[in-house]
Amino acid sequence: MNEPTTNPYGIAALWAQGDIVIKTVAIALLLMSIVSWTVIVMRSWRAARLNRAAAAAAGFWHTHSFAEGMALLDQHGADNPFRHLAAEAQAAVDHHASNKEDLHGQISMAEWLTESLRGAIDDSAERIGSGLAILASVGSTAPFVGLFGTVWGIYHALVGIGVSGQASIDKVAGPVGEALIMTAFGLFVAIPAVLGYNALTRNNKGLVNKLNRFARQLHAYFLTGSPVAKGDGKVMPLRRGMTTKTGG
C-alpha cells in the first residue's frame, strides 16, 4: 500500500520552508483573523439583542404609564440604550426642576432636555459602534500584510534560483506558489472583516435612527405630556404617571 505523499506546494511546505519573516506574517494574519471573527460574532449577537430591544421600545408608547413603559424596557437588560435614553430624559427633567438656582436653571427646559437626550444618544452610539474600528483596521491592512509575505517569499525564491542557477518550471513553481499563498491568506482574513464591518455599520445606523426617533417622542412627552402622534392618529395622549383611555 502506497503511503500518502505530502503536497510540496501546500501550506505545510510553506511553513516548513519559510523563514522567520514568513512565519511572523502568517501568525499575524492568523491572530487578525481570530480577533475579527471574535468581534463579528460578539457584535452580531449584541446587534440581534438590541434589535429586540428596539422592537420593545416601539411598544413603549402603548403602555399606560411611564413606569410601566420602563418596566417593559427593563426586560431587555440594563444596557438597553432605549431604557438608558428614557432614564436620562427623566433624570434631566427632575434635575432641571429641582435645581433652578444652578447655571442650567437659566436654560429653558426644552433646550436642557434636548442636550441631555443628544448626550445620551452619543453615549449609546459610541457603545454600539465599539469594536468596528478593529474590523476596519483588519479589513484594510490584512491584504497588504499578506502581500508583504508574498513579496518576501518571492524574493527568497529568486535568490535561491540565482544561487542554484536553475530556472526551470519545477524550480520556480514551488517557491513562487508557496509565496502566493500569503496573498490568499491575507484576502481570506480581510474579506470577512470588511463584510462584517459593512453589515454591522448598516445595522447600527438603523438603531441610531430608532434612538433619535425615540428621543423626539420623549422630548415631546416630557414637554407636552404626550408623545408625538403618528399620521394615522393611533398614538393617543399619555400623561406622565397617568393612564389614558380612547374615546368610545
C-alpha atoms as a PDB file:
ATOM      1  CA  MET A   1       0.000   0.000   0.000  1.00  0.00           C
ATOM      2  CA  ASN A   2       1.397   3.373  -1.026  1.00  0.00           C
ATOM      3  CA  GLU A   3       1.979   5.925   1.719  1.00  0.00           C
ATOM      4  CA  PRO A   4       0.240   9.302   1.223  1.00  0.00           C
ATOM      5  CA  THR A   5       2.555  11.956  -0.106  1.00  0.00           C
ATOM      6  CA  THR A   6       2.541  15.496   1.193  1.00  0.00           C
ATOM      7  CA  ASN A   7       1.861  18.385  -1.154  1.00  0.00           C
ATOM      8  CA  PRO A   8       5.222  20.039  -1.898  1.00  0.00           C
ATOM      9  CA  TYR A   9       3.433  23.255  -2.815  1.00  0.00           C
ATOM     10  CA  GLY A  10       0.959  23.484   0.069  1.00  0.00           C
ATOM     11  CA  ILE A  11       0.677  25.423   3.290  1.00  0.00           C
ATOM     12  CA  ALA A  12       2.680  22.830   5.238  1.00  0.00           C
ATOM     13  CA  ALA A  13       5.572  23.209   2.815  1.00  0.00           C
ATOM     14  CA  LEU A  14       5.320  26.992   3.073  1.00  0.00           C
ATOM     15  CA  TRP A  15       5.571  26.790   6.849  1.00  0.00           C
ATOM     16  CA  ALA A  16       8.421  24.286   6.798  1.00  0.00           C
ATOM     17  CA  GLN A  17      10.470  26.209   4.236  1.00  0.00           C
ATOM     18  CA  GLY A  18       9.583  29.718   5.379  1.00  0.00           C
ATOM     19  CA  ASP A  19      11.960  31.855   7.384  1.00  0.00           C
ATOM     20  CA  ILE A  20      11.170  33.877  10.497  1.00  0.00           C
ATOM     21  CA  VAL A  21       9.612  36.725   8.486  1.00  0.00           C
ATOM     22  CA  ILE A  22       7.162  34.454   6.630  1.00  0.00           C
ATOM     23  CA  LYS A  23       6.200  32.680   9.854  1.00  0.00           C
ATOM     24  CA  THR A  24       5.704  36.008  11.643  1.00  0.00           C
ATOM     25  CA  VAL A  25       3.444  37.261   8.848  1.00  0.00           C
ATOM     26  CA  ALA A  26       1.425  34.022   8.907  1.00  0.00           C
ATOM     27  CA  ILE A  27       0.975  34.195  12.679  1.00  0.00           C
ATOM     28  CA  ALA A  28      -0.015  37.875  12.463  1.00  0.00           C
ATOM     29  CA  LEU A  29      -2.668  37.088   9.847  1.00  0.00           C
ATOM     30  CA  LEU A  30      -3.963  34.198  11.948  1.00  0.00           C
ATOM     31  CA  LEU A  31      -4.299  36.437  15.010  1.00  0.00           C
ATOM     32  CA  MET A  32      -6.020  39.128  12.929  1.00  0.00           C
ATOM     33  CA  SER A  33      -8.496  36.534  11.661  1.00  0.00           C
ATOM     34  CA  ILE A  34      -9.253  35.264  15.177  1.00  0.00           C
ATOM     35  CA  VAL A  35      -9.772  38.800  16.509  1.00  0.00           C
ATOM     36  CA  SER A  36     -12.003  39.866  13.608  1.00  0.00           C
ATOM     37  CA  TRP A  37     -14.190  36.763  13.825  1.00  0.00           C
ATOM     38  CA  THR A  38     -14.498  37.247  17.595  1.00  0.00           C
ATOM     39  CA  VAL A  39     -15.688  40.823  17.064  1.00  0.00           C
ATOM     40  CA  ILE A  40     -18.087  39.747  14.295  1.00  0.00           C
ATOM     41  CA  VAL A  41     -19.694  37.005  16.405  1.00  0.00           C
ATOM     42  CA  MET A  42     -19.962  39.066  19.588  1.00  0.00           C
ATOM     43  CA  ARG A  43     -21.265  42.206  17.871  1.00  0.00           C
ATOM     44  CA  SER A  44     -23.723  40.228  15.754  1.00  0.00           C
ATOM     45  CA  TRP A  45     -25.149  38.638  18.891  1.00  0.00           C
ATOM     46  CA  ARG A  46     -25.394  42.047  20.558  1.00  0.00           C
ATOM     47  CA  ALA A  47     -26.972  43.555  17.450  1.00  0.00           C
ATOM     48  CA  ALA A  48     -29.685  40.893  17.494  1.00  0.00           C
ATOM     49  CA  ARG A  49     -30.358  41.666  21.163  1.00  0.00           C
ATOM     50  CA  LEU A  50     -30.531  45.405  20.502  1.00  0.00           C
ATOM     51  CA  ASN A  51     -32.931  44.848  17.613  1.00  0.00           C
ATOM     52  CA  ARG A  52     -35.246  43.037  20.013  1.00  0.00           C
ATOM     53  CA  ALA A  53     -34.902  45.973  22.422  1.00  0.00           C
ATOM     54  CA  ALA A  54     -35.827  48.349  19.591  1.00  0.00           C
ATOM     55  CA  ALA A  55     -38.961  46.324  18.929  1.00  0.00           C
ATOM     56  CA  ALA A  56     -39.851  46.596  22.615  1.00  0.00           C
ATOM     57  CA  ALA A  57     -39.254  50.354  22.505  1.00  0.00           C
ATOM     58  CA  ALA A  58     -41.882  50.591  19.774  1.00  0.00           C
ATOM     59  CA  GLY A  59     -44.378  49.228  22.303  1.00  0.00           C
ATOM     60  CA  PHE A  60     -43.307  51.721  24.973  1.00  0.00           C
ATOM     61  CA  TRP A  61     -45.990  54.186  23.907  1.00  0.00           C
ATOM     62  CA  HIS A  62     -48.693  51.544  24.049  1.00  0.00           C
ATOM     63  CA  THR A  63     -48.245  51.190  27.820  1.00  0.00           C
ATOM     64  CA  HIS A  64     -50.410  53.220  30.197  1.00  0.00           C
ATOM     65  CA  SER A  65     -47.743  54.938  32.317  1.00  0.00           C
ATOM     66  CA  PHE A  66     -44.092  55.890  32.180  1.00  0.00           C
ATOM     67  CA  ALA A  67     -43.271  53.394  34.937  1.00  0.00           C
ATOM     68  CA  GLU A  68     -44.986  50.626  33.009  1.00  0.00           C
ATOM     69  CA  GLY A  69     -43.037  51.577  29.901  1.00  0.00           C
ATOM     70  CA  MET A  70     -39.753  51.494  31.837  1.00  0.00           C
ATOM     71  CA  ALA A  71     -40.638  48.052  33.165  1.00  0.00           C
ATOM     72  CA  LEU A  72     -41.115  46.905  29.574  1.00  0.00           C
ATOM     73  CA  LEU A  73     -37.684  48.234  28.602  1.00  0.00           C
ATOM     74  CA  ASP A  74     -36.107  46.650  31.698  1.00  0.00           C
ATOM     75  CA  GLN A  75     -36.886  43.225  30.268  1.00  0.00           C
ATOM     76  CA  HIS A  76     -34.107  43.673  27.702  1.00  0.00           C
ATOM     77  CA  GLY A  77     -31.198  44.266  30.066  1.00  0.00           C
ATOM     78  CA  ALA A  78     -29.661  47.156  31.924  1.00  0.00           C
ATOM     79  CA  ASP A  79     -27.544  48.110  28.902  1.00  0.00           C
ATOM     80  CA  ASN A  80     -30.634  48.648  26.750  1.00  0.00           C
ATOM     81  CA  PRO A  81     -29.928  52.010  25.027  1.00  0.00           C
ATOM     82  CA  PHE A  82     -33.647  52.816  24.814  1.00  0.00           C
ATOM     83  CA  ARG A  83     -34.037  52.355  28.557  1.00  0.00           C
ATOM     84  CA  HIS A  84     -30.912  54.485  29.098  1.00  0.00           C
ATOM     85  CA  LEU A  85     -32.428  57.207  26.918  1.00  0.00           C
ATOM     86  CA  ALA A  86     -35.722  57.214  28.818  1.00  0.00           C
ATOM     87  CA  ALA A  87     -33.949  57.214  32.192  1.00  0.00           C
ATOM     88  CA  GLU A  88     -31.693  60.107  31.133  1.00  0.00           C
ATOM     89  CA  ALA A  89     -34.707  62.105  29.970  1.00  0.00           C
ATOM     90  CA  GLN A  90     -36.485  61.575  33.285  1.00  0.00           C
ATOM     91  CA  ALA A  91     -33.327  62.462  35.240  1.00  0.00           C
ATOM     92  CA  ALA A  92     -32.762  65.605  33.162  1.00  0.00           C
ATOM     93  CA  VAL A  93     -36.304  66.850  33.786  1.00  0.00           C
ATOM     94  CA  ASP A  94     -36.159  66.120  37.513  1.00  0.00           C
ATOM     95  CA  HIS A  95     -32.718  67.706  37.878  1.00  0.00           C
ATOM     96  CA  HIS A  96     -33.706  70.839  35.995  1.00  0.00           C
ATOM     97  CA  ALA A  97     -36.884  71.239  38.025  1.00  0.00           C
ATOM     98  CA  SER A  98     -35.147  70.819  41.398  1.00  0.00           C
ATOM     99  CA  ASN A  99     -32.037  72.917  40.717  1.00  0.00           C
ATOM    100  CA  LYS A 100     -33.340  76.199  39.376  1.00  0.00           C
ATOM    101  CA  GLU A 101     -30.531  78.177  41.034  1.00  0.00           C
ATOM    102  CA  ASP A 102     -27.812  76.372  39.081  1.00  0.00           C
ATOM    103  CA  LEU A 103     -26.489  77.713  35.789  1.00  0.00           C
ATOM    104  CA  HIS A 104     -28.533  75.247  33.777  1.00  0.00           C
ATOM    105  CA  GLY A 105     -31.597  76.663  35.520  1.00  0.00           C
ATOM    106  CA  GLN A 106     -31.213  79.681  33.235  1.00  0.00           C
ATOM    107  CA  ILE A 107     -31.583  77.382  30.220  1.00  0.00           C
ATOM    108  CA  SER A 108     -35.084  76.543  29.125  1.00  0.00           C
ATOM    109  CA  MET A 109     -36.380  73.092  29.906  1.00  0.00           C
ATOM    110  CA  ALA A 110     -36.679  72.324  26.186  1.00  0.00           C
ATOM    111  CA  GLU A 111     -33.021  73.121  25.488  1.00  0.00           C
ATOM    112  CA  TRP A 112     -31.765  71.294  28.568  1.00  0.00           C
ATOM    113  CA  LEU A 113     -33.771  68.193  27.712  1.00  0.00           C
ATOM    114  CA  THR A 114     -32.624  68.317  24.082  1.00  0.00           C
ATOM    115  CA  GLU A 115     -28.956  68.437  25.050  1.00  0.00           C
ATOM    116  CA  SER A 116     -29.404  65.661  27.621  1.00  0.00           C
ATOM    117  CA  LEU A 117     -31.044  63.422  25.029  1.00  0.00           C
ATOM    118  CA  ARG A 118     -28.320  64.191  22.491  1.00  0.00           C
ATOM    119  CA  GLY A 119     -25.645  63.291  25.018  1.00  0.00           C
ATOM    120  CA  ALA A 120     -27.393  60.023  25.839  1.00  0.00           C
ATOM    121  CA  ILE A 121     -27.664  59.149  22.133  1.00  0.00           C
ATOM    122  CA  ASP A 122     -23.972  59.943  21.591  1.00  0.00           C
ATOM    123  CA  ASP A 123     -23.005  57.692  24.511  1.00  0.00           C
ATOM    124  CA  SER A 124     -25.185  54.856  23.235  1.00  0.00           C
ATOM    125  CA  ALA A 125     -23.918  55.233  19.657  1.00  0.00           C
ATOM    126  CA  GLU A 126     -20.334  55.020  20.902  1.00  0.00           C
ATOM    127  CA  ARG A 127     -21.063  51.829  22.821  1.00  0.00           C
ATOM    128  CA  ILE A 128     -22.979  50.305  19.905  1.00  0.00           C
ATOM    129  CA  GLY A 129     -20.130  51.035  17.497  1.00  0.00           C
ATOM    130  CA  SER A 130     -17.343  49.731  19.717  1.00  0.00           C
ATOM    131  CA  GLY A 131     -15.215  47.084  18.019  1.00  0.00           C
ATOM    132  CA  LEU A 132     -15.924  48.255  14.486  1.00  0.00           C
ATOM    133  CA  ALA A 133     -12.570  50.044  14.320  1.00  0.00           C
ATOM    134  CA  ILE A 134     -10.887  46.656  14.724  1.00  0.00           C
ATOM    135  CA  LEU A 135     -12.780  45.239  11.742  1.00  0.00           C
ATOM    136  CA  ALA A 136     -11.959  48.306   9.657  1.00  0.00           C
ATOM    137  CA  SER A 137      -8.275  48.026  10.540  1.00  0.00           C
ATOM    138  CA  VAL A 138      -8.120  44.311   9.765  1.00  0.00           C
ATOM    139  CA  GLY A 139     -10.039  44.735   6.514  1.00  0.00           C
ATOM    140  CA  SER A 140      -7.743  47.487   5.283  1.00  0.00           C
ATOM    141  CA  THR A 141      -4.367  46.097   6.396  1.00  0.00           C
ATOM    142  CA  ALA A 142      -4.656  42.301   6.039  1.00  0.00           C
ATOM    143  CA  PRO A 143      -4.273  42.267   2.210  1.00  0.00           C
ATOM    144  CA  PHE A 144      -1.092  44.333   2.467  1.00  0.00           C
ATOM    145  CA  VAL A 145       0.297  42.142   5.241  1.00  0.00           C
ATOM    146  CA  GLY A 146      -0.316  39.116   3.035  1.00  0.00           C
ATOM    147  CA  LEU A 147       1.225  40.909   0.059  1.00  0.00           C
ATOM    148  CA  PHE A 148       4.321  41.661   2.103  1.00  0.00           C
ATOM    149  CA  GLY A 149       4.655  37.961   2.851  1.00  0.00           C
ATOM    150  CA  THR A 150       4.271  37.215  -0.846  1.00  0.00           C
ATOM    151  CA  VAL A 151       6.946  39.722  -1.874  1.00  0.00           C
ATOM    152  CA  TRP A 152       9.306  38.416   0.779  1.00  0.00           C
ATOM    153  CA  GLY A 153       8.723  34.809  -0.292  1.00  0.00           C
ATOM    154  CA  ILE A 154       9.252  35.580  -3.981  1.00  0.00           C
ATOM    155  CA  TYR A 155      12.424  37.460  -3.129  1.00  0.00           C
ATOM    156  CA  HIS A 156      13.850  34.436  -1.366  1.00  0.00           C
ATOM    157  CA  ALA A 157      12.674  32.180  -4.209  1.00  0.00           C
ATOM    158  CA  LEU A 158      14.528  34.327  -6.749  1.00  0.00           C
ATOM    159  CA  VAL A 159      17.634  34.368  -4.576  1.00  0.00           C
ATOM    160  CA  GLY A 160      17.509  30.569  -4.363  1.00  0.00           C
ATOM    161  CA  ILE A 161      17.099  30.272  -8.120  1.00  0.00           C
ATOM    162  CA  GLY A 162      20.009  32.638  -8.671  1.00  0.00           C
ATOM    163  CA  VAL A 163      22.262  30.672  -6.332  1.00  0.00           C
ATOM    164  CA  SER A 164      21.376  27.311  -7.872  1.00  0.00           C
ATOM    165  CA  GLY A 165      21.473  28.642 -11.424  1.00  0.00           C
ATOM    166  CA  GLN A 166      18.357  26.643 -12.343  1.00  0.00           C
ATOM    167  CA  ALA A 167      15.199  28.458 -13.544  1.00  0.00           C
ATOM    168  CA  SER A 168      13.110  25.526 -14.786  1.00  0.00           C
ATOM    169  CA  ILE A 169       9.374  25.488 -14.069  1.00  0.00           C
ATOM    170  CA  ASP A 170       9.663  22.845 -11.370  1.00  0.00           C
ATOM    171  CA  LYS A 171      12.201  25.020  -9.540  1.00  0.00           C
ATOM    172  CA  VAL A 172      10.067  28.180  -9.838  1.00  0.00           C
ATOM    173  CA  ALA A 173       6.545  26.807  -9.284  1.00  0.00           C
ATOM    174  CA  GLY A 174       7.125  25.596  -5.746  1.00  0.00           C
ATOM    175  CA  PRO A 175       8.664  28.668  -4.106  1.00  0.00           C
ATOM    176  CA  VAL A 176       6.502  31.171  -6.011  1.00  0.00           C
ATOM    177  CA  GLY A 177       3.316  29.185  -5.409  1.00  0.00           C
ATOM    178  CA  GLU A 178       4.049  28.968  -1.710  1.00  0.00           C
ATOM    179  CA  ALA A 179       4.675  32.710  -1.570  1.00  0.00           C
ATOM    180  CA  LEU A 180       1.377  33.468  -3.314  1.00  0.00           C
ATOM    181  CA  ILE A 181      -0.430  31.551  -0.583  1.00  0.00           C
ATOM    182  CA  MET A 182       0.284  34.535   1.654  1.00  0.00           C
ATOM    183  CA  THR A 183      -1.742  36.796  -0.638  1.00  0.00           C
ATOM    184  CA  ALA A 184      -4.659  34.361  -0.499  1.00  0.00           C
ATOM    185  CA  PHE A 185      -4.326  34.190   3.285  1.00  0.00           C
ATOM    186  CA  GLY A 186      -4.453  37.988   3.501  1.00  0.00           C
ATOM    187  CA  LEU A 187      -7.644  38.106   1.415  1.00  0.00           C
ATOM    188  CA  PHE A 188      -9.144  35.287   3.487  1.00  0.00           C
ATOM    189  CA  VAL A 189      -8.640  37.448   6.579  1.00  0.00           C
ATOM    190  CA  ALA A 190      -9.704  40.764   5.043  1.00  0.00           C
ATOM    191  CA  ILE A 191     -12.918  39.828   3.201  1.00  0.00           C
ATOM    192  CA  PRO A 192     -14.923  38.612   6.264  1.00  0.00           C
ATOM    193  CA  ALA A 193     -13.741  41.661   8.226  1.00  0.00           C
ATOM    194  CA  VAL A 194     -14.951  44.059   5.519  1.00  0.00           C
ATOM    195  CA  LEU A 195     -18.289  42.279   5.077  1.00  0.00           C
ATOM    196  CA  GLY A 196     -18.827  42.133   8.839  1.00  0.00           C
ATOM    197  CA  TYR A 197     -17.955  45.814   9.207  1.00  0.00           C
ATOM    198  CA  ASN A 198     -20.430  46.835   6.500  1.00  0.00           C
ATOM    199  CA  ALA A 199     -23.242  44.691   7.902  1.00  0.00           C
ATOM    200  CA  LEU A 200     -22.762  45.872  11.495  1.00  0.00           C
ATOM    201  CA  THR A 201     -22.414  49.503  10.431  1.00  0.00           C
ATOM    202  CA  ARG A 202     -25.672  49.324   8.482  1.00  0.00           C
ATOM    203  CA  ASN A 203     -27.448  47.729  11.454  1.00  0.00           C
ATOM    204  CA  ASN A 204     -26.009  50.266  13.898  1.00  0.00           C
ATOM    205  CA  LYS A 205     -27.134  53.135  11.686  1.00  0.00           C
ATOM    206  CA  GLY A 206     -30.685  51.798  11.813  1.00  0.00           C
ATOM    207  CA  LEU A 207     -30.507  51.512  15.601  1.00  0.00           C
ATOM    208  CA  VAL A 208     -29.265  55.089  15.977  1.00  0.00           C
ATOM    209  CA  ASN A 209     -32.122  56.289  13.751  1.00  0.00           C
ATOM    210  CA  LYS A 210     -34.578  54.496  16.031  1.00  0.00           C
ATOM    211  CA  LEU A 211     -32.900  56.075  19.074  1.00  0.00           C
ATOM    212  CA  ASN A 212     -33.312  59.526  17.525  1.00  0.00           C
ATOM    213  CA  ARG A 213     -36.978  58.839  16.829  1.00  0.00           C
ATOM    214  CA  PHE A 214     -37.496  57.604  20.387  1.00  0.00           C
ATOM    215  CA  ALA A 215     -35.708  60.701  21.717  1.00  0.00           C
ATOM    216  CA  ARG A 216     -38.026  63.016  19.782  1.00  0.00           C
ATOM    217  CA  GLN A 217     -41.012  61.230  21.253  1.00  0.00           C
ATOM    218  CA  LEU A 218     -39.564  61.507  24.767  1.00  0.00           C
ATOM    219  CA  HIS A 219     -38.874  65.191  24.194  1.00  0.00           C
ATOM    220  CA  ALA A 220     -42.490  65.808  23.245  1.00  0.00           C
ATOM    221  CA  TYR A 221     -43.761  63.617  26.072  1.00  0.00           C
ATOM    222  CA  PHE A 222     -41.878  65.423  28.833  1.00  0.00           C
ATOM    223  CA  LEU A 223     -42.645  68.901  27.498  1.00  0.00           C
ATOM    224  CA  THR A 224     -46.275  68.490  26.488  1.00  0.00           C
ATOM    225  CA  GLY A 225     -47.336  65.383  28.368  1.00  0.00           C
ATOM    226  CA  SER A 226     -47.948  63.390  25.194  1.00  0.00           C
ATOM    227  CA  PRO A 227     -45.807  61.556  22.651  1.00  0.00           C
ATOM    228  CA  VAL A 228     -45.564  62.659  19.043  1.00  0.00           C
ATOM    229  CA  ALA A 229     -48.716  61.450  17.328  1.00  0.00           C
ATOM    230  CA  LYS A 230     -48.429  59.361  14.192  1.00  0.00           C
ATOM    231  CA  GLY A 231     -50.081  60.384  10.993  1.00  0.00           C
ATOM    232  CA  ASP A 232     -52.869  57.870  11.478  1.00  0.00           C
ATOM    233  CA  GLY A 233     -53.614  59.226  14.942  1.00  0.00           C
ATOM    234  CA  LYS A 234     -53.271  55.842  16.635  1.00  0.00           C
ATOM    235  CA  VAL A 235     -50.927  57.116  19.362  1.00  0.00           C
ATOM    236  CA  MET A 236     -53.152  58.726  21.969  1.00  0.00           C
ATOM    237  CA  PRO A 237     -52.025  61.318  24.563  1.00  0.00           C
ATOM    238  CA  LEU A 238     -50.273  59.768  27.537  1.00  0.00           C
ATOM    239  CA  ARG A 239     -49.887  61.890  30.670  1.00  0.00           C
ATOM    240  CA  ARG A 240     -46.873  61.174  32.823  1.00  0.00           C
ATOM    241  CA  GLY A 241     -47.752  58.664  35.507  1.00  0.00           C
ATOM    242  CA  MET A 242     -51.408  58.550  34.344  1.00  0.00           C
ATOM    243  CA  THR A 243     -53.368  56.169  32.207  1.00  0.00           C
ATOM    244  CA  THR A 244     -55.328  57.262  29.172  1.00  0.00           C
ATOM    245  CA  LYS A 245     -58.386  55.907  27.503  1.00  0.00           C
ATOM    246  CA  THR A 246     -59.501  56.354  23.965  1.00  0.00           C
ATOM    247  CA  GLY A 247     -62.855  57.783  23.370  1.00  0.00           C
ATOM    248  CA  GLY A 248     -65.634  55.416  22.581  1.00  0.00           C
END
